[in-house]
N, C-alpha and C. Protein backbone atom coordinates (compact mmCIF):
# COMPACT_ATOMS: atom_id res chain seq x y z
N MET A 1 0.83 -1.19 0.00
CA MET A 1 0.00 0.00 0.00
C MET A 1 0.88 1.25 0.00
N ILE A 2 0.45 2.29 -0.71
CA ILE A 2 1.21 3.53 -0.84
C ILE A 2 0.96 4.43 0.37
N ASP A 3 2.04 4.90 0.97
CA ASP A 3 1.95 5.87 2.06
C ASP A 3 1.78 7.25 1.42
N ARG A 4 0.56 7.74 1.39
CA ARG A 4 0.24 8.99 0.70
C ARG A 4 1.00 10.19 1.25
N SER A 5 1.18 10.26 2.55
CA SER A 5 1.88 11.41 3.12
C SER A 5 3.35 11.39 2.70
N ARG A 6 3.95 10.22 2.65
CA ARG A 6 5.34 10.11 2.20
C ARG A 6 5.46 10.47 0.72
N MET A 7 4.53 9.97 -0.09
CA MET A 7 4.54 10.25 -1.53
C MET A 7 4.40 11.77 -1.77
N GLY A 8 3.49 12.40 -1.05
CA GLY A 8 3.30 13.84 -1.19
C GLY A 8 4.54 14.62 -0.78
N ARG A 9 5.16 14.20 0.31
CA ARG A 9 6.37 14.86 0.80
C ARG A 9 7.51 14.73 -0.22
N LEU A 10 7.68 13.55 -0.79
CA LEU A 10 8.73 13.33 -1.78
C LEU A 10 8.47 14.13 -3.06
N ASN A 11 7.21 14.19 -3.48
CA ASN A 11 6.86 14.99 -4.67
C ASN A 11 7.16 16.47 -4.43
N ARG A 12 6.80 16.96 -3.24
CA ARG A 12 7.05 18.36 -2.90
C ARG A 12 8.56 18.63 -2.88
N GLN A 13 9.33 17.71 -2.29
CA GLN A 13 10.79 17.88 -2.25
C GLN A 13 11.38 17.90 -3.66
N ARG A 14 10.88 17.01 -4.53
CA ARG A 14 11.37 16.98 -5.92
C ARG A 14 11.06 18.29 -6.61
N GLY A 15 9.85 18.80 -6.43
CA GLY A 15 9.47 20.07 -7.04
C GLY A 15 10.30 21.23 -6.52
N ASN A 16 10.52 21.29 -5.21
CA ASN A 16 11.32 22.36 -4.62
C ASN A 16 12.76 22.31 -5.13
N SER A 17 13.31 21.11 -5.22
CA SER A 17 14.67 20.93 -5.72
C SER A 17 14.78 21.40 -7.16
N PHE A 18 13.77 21.08 -7.98
CA PHE A 18 13.78 21.49 -9.38
C PHE A 18 13.68 23.01 -9.50
N GLU A 19 12.90 23.65 -8.64
CA GLU A 19 12.82 25.11 -8.63
C GLU A 19 14.19 25.72 -8.31
N ARG A 20 14.88 25.18 -7.31
CA ARG A 20 16.21 25.69 -6.95
C ARG A 20 17.20 25.51 -8.10
N GLU A 21 17.17 24.33 -8.73
CA GLU A 21 18.06 24.03 -9.86
C GLU A 21 17.79 25.00 -11.01
N THR A 22 16.51 25.24 -11.31
CA THR A 22 16.13 26.14 -12.40
C THR A 22 16.57 27.57 -12.08
N ALA A 23 16.35 28.01 -10.86
CA ALA A 23 16.75 29.38 -10.47
C ALA A 23 18.26 29.56 -10.66
N LYS A 24 19.03 28.58 -10.27
CA LYS A 24 20.49 28.67 -10.39
C LYS A 24 20.91 28.72 -11.86
N LYS A 25 20.37 27.82 -12.69
CA LYS A 25 20.73 27.77 -14.11
C LYS A 25 20.35 29.04 -14.85
N HIS A 26 19.21 29.64 -14.49
CA HIS A 26 18.68 30.77 -15.23
C HIS A 26 19.06 32.12 -14.63
N GLY A 27 19.83 32.08 -13.53
CA GLY A 27 20.28 33.32 -12.92
C GLY A 27 19.17 34.07 -12.21
N GLY A 28 18.20 33.35 -11.72
CA GLY A 28 17.07 33.99 -11.05
C GLY A 28 17.02 33.64 -9.59
N ARG A 29 15.91 33.99 -8.98
CA ARG A 29 15.70 33.63 -7.59
C ARG A 29 14.40 32.87 -7.46
N ARG A 30 14.38 31.94 -6.57
CA ARG A 30 13.22 31.10 -6.35
C ARG A 30 12.16 31.90 -5.62
N THR A 31 10.96 31.98 -6.20
CA THR A 31 9.87 32.74 -5.60
C THR A 31 8.65 31.88 -5.36
N GLY A 32 8.69 30.63 -5.75
CA GLY A 32 7.54 29.73 -5.64
C GLY A 32 7.08 29.51 -4.22
N MET A 33 7.98 29.61 -3.27
CA MET A 33 7.61 29.34 -1.89
C MET A 33 6.75 30.45 -1.29
N TYR A 34 6.58 31.57 -2.01
CA TYR A 34 5.75 32.67 -1.53
C TYR A 34 4.33 32.62 -2.05
N GLY A 35 3.99 31.59 -2.80
CA GLY A 35 2.61 31.36 -3.19
C GLY A 35 2.16 31.95 -4.51
N GLY A 36 3.04 32.60 -5.25
CA GLY A 36 2.65 33.14 -6.55
C GLY A 36 2.63 32.06 -7.61
N PRO A 37 2.09 32.39 -8.79
CA PRO A 37 2.03 31.38 -9.86
C PRO A 37 3.40 31.08 -10.47
N GLU A 38 4.34 32.02 -10.36
CA GLU A 38 5.68 31.76 -10.90
C GLU A 38 6.54 31.13 -9.82
N ASP A 39 7.47 30.27 -10.24
CA ASP A 39 8.36 29.59 -9.31
C ASP A 39 9.72 30.27 -9.24
N VAL A 40 10.14 30.89 -10.36
CA VAL A 40 11.45 31.53 -10.44
C VAL A 40 11.27 32.87 -11.14
N THR A 41 11.96 33.89 -10.64
CA THR A 41 11.95 35.20 -11.27
C THR A 41 13.37 35.57 -11.64
N VAL A 42 13.56 35.98 -12.89
CA VAL A 42 14.83 36.51 -13.36
C VAL A 42 14.60 38.01 -13.51
N ASP A 43 15.19 38.79 -12.61
CA ASP A 43 14.89 40.21 -12.46
C ASP A 43 14.70 40.96 -13.77
N GLY A 44 13.52 41.52 -13.94
CA GLY A 44 13.22 42.36 -15.09
C GLY A 44 13.16 41.65 -16.42
N LEU A 45 13.34 40.34 -16.44
CA LEU A 45 13.38 39.63 -17.71
C LEU A 45 12.32 38.56 -17.83
N PHE A 46 12.30 37.62 -16.88
CA PHE A 46 11.46 36.44 -17.04
C PHE A 46 10.79 36.03 -15.74
N LYS A 47 9.64 35.42 -15.87
CA LYS A 47 8.96 34.73 -14.77
C LYS A 47 8.78 33.30 -15.25
N ILE A 48 9.20 32.34 -14.46
CA ILE A 48 9.27 30.94 -14.89
C ILE A 48 8.37 30.08 -14.00
N GLN A 49 7.56 29.26 -14.63
CA GLN A 49 6.78 28.23 -13.95
C GLN A 49 7.48 26.90 -14.22
N THR A 50 7.77 26.13 -13.19
CA THR A 50 8.46 24.85 -13.37
C THR A 50 7.51 23.70 -13.11
N LYS A 51 7.72 22.62 -13.81
CA LYS A 51 7.02 21.35 -13.60
C LYS A 51 8.04 20.25 -13.78
N VAL A 52 8.01 19.26 -12.92
CA VAL A 52 8.92 18.14 -13.04
C VAL A 52 8.12 16.86 -12.79
N GLY A 53 8.41 15.83 -13.56
CA GLY A 53 7.72 14.56 -13.37
C GLY A 53 7.03 14.08 -14.63
N THR A 54 5.82 13.62 -14.48
CA THR A 54 5.14 12.91 -15.56
C THR A 54 4.64 13.80 -16.69
N MET A 55 4.71 15.12 -16.54
CA MET A 55 4.19 16.00 -17.59
C MET A 55 5.15 16.12 -18.77
N PHE A 56 6.34 15.55 -18.70
CA PHE A 56 7.32 15.65 -19.77
C PHE A 56 6.82 14.90 -20.99
N SER A 57 6.81 15.55 -22.14
CA SER A 57 6.30 14.93 -23.35
C SER A 57 7.43 14.36 -24.20
N ASN A 58 7.50 13.04 -24.28
CA ASN A 58 8.48 12.40 -25.15
C ASN A 58 8.16 12.66 -26.61
N LYS A 59 6.90 12.86 -26.92
CA LYS A 59 6.50 13.16 -28.29
C LYS A 59 7.13 14.49 -28.73
N TYR A 60 6.99 15.53 -27.91
CA TYR A 60 7.59 16.84 -28.24
C TYR A 60 9.10 16.75 -28.32
N TRP A 61 9.69 16.05 -27.35
CA TRP A 61 11.15 15.89 -27.32
C TRP A 61 11.64 15.21 -28.60
N GLY A 62 10.94 14.18 -29.02
CA GLY A 62 11.31 13.48 -30.24
C GLY A 62 11.23 14.36 -31.47
N TRP A 63 10.18 15.18 -31.56
CA TRP A 63 10.04 16.08 -32.69
C TRP A 63 11.18 17.10 -32.74
N ILE A 64 11.57 17.63 -31.58
CA ILE A 64 12.68 18.60 -31.55
C ILE A 64 13.98 17.92 -31.97
N LYS A 65 14.22 16.73 -31.47
CA LYS A 65 15.48 16.03 -31.76
C LYS A 65 15.59 15.59 -33.22
N LYS A 66 14.46 15.48 -33.93
CA LYS A 66 14.50 15.09 -35.34
C LYS A 66 14.93 16.25 -36.25
N ILE A 67 14.88 17.48 -35.75
CA ILE A 67 15.21 18.64 -36.58
C ILE A 67 16.71 18.62 -36.88
N ASP A 68 17.05 18.69 -38.16
CA ASP A 68 18.45 18.68 -38.60
C ASP A 68 18.97 20.12 -38.56
N VAL A 69 19.90 20.40 -37.65
CA VAL A 69 20.42 21.76 -37.51
C VAL A 69 21.90 21.81 -37.87
N LYS A 70 22.31 22.96 -38.36
CA LYS A 70 23.71 23.22 -38.65
C LYS A 70 24.27 24.09 -37.53
N ALA A 71 25.58 24.27 -37.51
CA ALA A 71 26.22 25.08 -36.47
C ALA A 71 25.56 26.45 -36.40
N GLY A 72 25.25 26.86 -35.18
CA GLY A 72 24.65 28.18 -34.97
C GLY A 72 23.13 28.21 -35.04
N GLU A 73 22.51 27.15 -35.54
CA GLU A 73 21.05 27.10 -35.62
C GLU A 73 20.49 26.51 -34.33
N VAL A 74 19.29 26.94 -33.98
CA VAL A 74 18.65 26.47 -32.76
C VAL A 74 17.29 25.86 -33.11
N PRO A 75 17.11 24.57 -32.81
CA PRO A 75 15.82 23.95 -33.08
C PRO A 75 14.80 24.27 -31.98
N TYR A 76 13.58 24.56 -32.38
CA TYR A 76 12.51 24.66 -31.41
C TYR A 76 11.20 24.26 -32.05
N LEU A 77 10.24 23.95 -31.20
CA LEU A 77 8.96 23.42 -31.63
C LEU A 77 7.88 24.45 -31.31
N VAL A 78 7.00 24.72 -32.26
CA VAL A 78 5.87 25.61 -32.03
C VAL A 78 4.61 24.75 -32.07
N ILE A 79 3.86 24.75 -30.98
CA ILE A 79 2.64 23.94 -30.85
C ILE A 79 1.46 24.89 -30.72
N GLY A 80 0.45 24.69 -31.54
CA GLY A 80 -0.77 25.49 -31.44
C GLY A 80 -1.99 24.59 -31.42
N ASP A 81 -3.07 25.12 -30.87
CA ASP A 81 -4.30 24.35 -30.88
C ASP A 81 -5.18 24.80 -32.04
N ALA A 82 -6.29 24.11 -32.25
CA ALA A 82 -7.24 24.44 -33.31
C ALA A 82 -8.60 24.66 -32.65
N PRO A 83 -8.82 25.86 -32.08
CA PRO A 83 -10.00 26.08 -31.25
C PRO A 83 -11.31 26.27 -32.01
N GLY A 84 -11.23 26.56 -33.28
CA GLY A 84 -12.46 26.77 -34.04
C GLY A 84 -12.71 28.26 -34.29
N PRO A 85 -13.73 28.56 -35.06
CA PRO A 85 -14.00 29.94 -35.47
C PRO A 85 -14.29 30.84 -34.26
N GLY A 86 -13.73 32.05 -34.30
CA GLY A 86 -14.01 33.05 -33.29
C GLY A 86 -13.26 32.89 -31.98
N VAL A 87 -12.41 31.89 -31.88
CA VAL A 87 -11.64 31.69 -30.65
C VAL A 87 -10.16 31.79 -30.99
N GLN A 88 -9.45 32.62 -30.24
CA GLN A 88 -8.04 32.83 -30.53
C GLN A 88 -7.21 31.57 -30.26
N ARG A 89 -6.34 31.29 -31.19
CA ARG A 89 -5.44 30.13 -31.08
C ARG A 89 -4.44 30.34 -29.94
N ARG A 90 -4.16 29.28 -29.17
CA ARG A 90 -3.10 29.30 -28.17
C ARG A 90 -1.87 28.66 -28.79
N VAL A 91 -0.72 29.28 -28.57
CA VAL A 91 0.53 28.78 -29.16
C VAL A 91 1.62 28.84 -28.10
N MET A 92 2.45 27.81 -28.08
CA MET A 92 3.62 27.83 -27.21
C MET A 92 4.84 27.35 -27.96
N VAL A 93 6.00 27.81 -27.50
CA VAL A 93 7.28 27.46 -28.09
C VAL A 93 8.00 26.56 -27.09
N ILE A 94 8.55 25.47 -27.60
CA ILE A 94 9.25 24.50 -26.75
C ILE A 94 10.64 24.29 -27.32
N MET A 95 11.64 24.36 -26.44
CA MET A 95 13.01 24.11 -26.89
C MET A 95 13.82 23.49 -25.76
N ASP A 96 14.93 22.91 -26.11
CA ASP A 96 15.85 22.33 -25.14
C ASP A 96 16.37 23.46 -24.24
N GLU A 97 16.40 23.22 -22.94
CA GLU A 97 16.84 24.26 -22.00
C GLU A 97 18.26 24.73 -22.30
N ARG A 98 19.14 23.83 -22.70
CA ARG A 98 20.52 24.24 -23.00
C ARG A 98 20.56 25.23 -24.15
N ASP A 99 19.73 24.99 -25.18
CA ASP A 99 19.65 25.93 -26.30
C ASP A 99 19.08 27.27 -25.84
N TRP A 100 18.04 27.21 -24.99
CA TRP A 100 17.44 28.44 -24.48
C TRP A 100 18.47 29.27 -23.69
N LEU A 101 19.27 28.61 -22.84
CA LEU A 101 20.26 29.34 -22.06
C LEU A 101 21.29 30.00 -22.96
N ASP A 102 21.67 29.33 -24.06
CA ASP A 102 22.59 29.94 -25.04
C ASP A 102 21.96 31.16 -25.70
N VAL A 103 20.72 31.03 -26.13
CA VAL A 103 20.02 32.14 -26.79
C VAL A 103 19.86 33.30 -25.81
N LYS A 104 19.48 33.00 -24.59
CA LYS A 104 19.29 34.05 -23.57
C LYS A 104 20.60 34.77 -23.29
N GLU A 105 21.69 34.03 -23.21
CA GLU A 105 22.98 34.66 -22.95
C GLU A 105 23.37 35.60 -24.09
N LYS A 106 23.13 35.17 -25.33
CA LYS A 106 23.46 36.02 -26.48
C LYS A 106 22.60 37.29 -26.50
N ALA A 107 21.36 37.16 -26.10
CA ALA A 107 20.44 38.31 -26.14
C ALA A 107 20.62 39.25 -24.95
N TYR A 108 20.84 38.70 -23.77
CA TYR A 108 20.84 39.50 -22.54
C TYR A 108 22.16 39.50 -21.81
N GLY A 109 23.14 38.76 -22.31
CA GLY A 109 24.37 38.59 -21.56
C GLY A 109 24.20 37.49 -20.54
N SER A 110 25.25 37.16 -19.86
CA SER A 110 25.17 36.07 -18.89
C SER A 110 24.37 36.49 -17.69
N THR A 111 23.43 35.63 -17.30
CA THR A 111 22.65 35.88 -16.10
C THR A 111 22.70 34.68 -15.16
N THR A 112 23.70 33.83 -15.35
CA THR A 112 23.78 32.67 -14.46
C THR A 112 24.23 33.12 -13.08
N GLU A 113 23.87 32.34 -12.07
CA GLU A 113 24.16 32.70 -10.69
C GLU A 113 25.64 32.94 -10.44
N ASP A 114 26.51 32.19 -11.09
CA ASP A 114 27.93 32.30 -10.86
C ASP A 114 28.51 33.63 -11.36
N GLU A 115 27.85 34.25 -12.35
CA GLU A 115 28.43 35.43 -12.97
C GLU A 115 27.64 36.70 -12.71
N VAL A 116 26.55 36.62 -11.95
CA VAL A 116 25.75 37.82 -11.67
C VAL A 116 26.41 38.61 -10.57
C-alpha cells in the first residue's frame, strides 16, 4: 500500500529541488515558496513556472530532436491548438533548455548565478 503522506512529501521535495536548480541555471531567484504562480523570477526579464515529473512529453522531445540543424542554428517546436472559429489560437514554443540558455545569454548577456 502507498503511504500517501510520504509520496506527497517526496513529490514536494522533488518540485522544490527542481525550482532551486532552475533558479540557479537561469540566474534567477526562487519565488515559488511565496505562493505566486511563478516559481522563479529573473529580475526584469522572465517569470518561470516549473514542472517536473510525468508531464514531460516524449512526443515533443522526439520532434525537436528530429530537426536537422547546422552550427549556430537552434531547433525549437511551435505547438498550437485548433480552437475553431471566433476563438483565438493558443501557441507555445518548446526548446531544449541548453539551447534556451545559449540564446538568452546572447540576447541579454550572462545571467547565471555564478556570474551575476
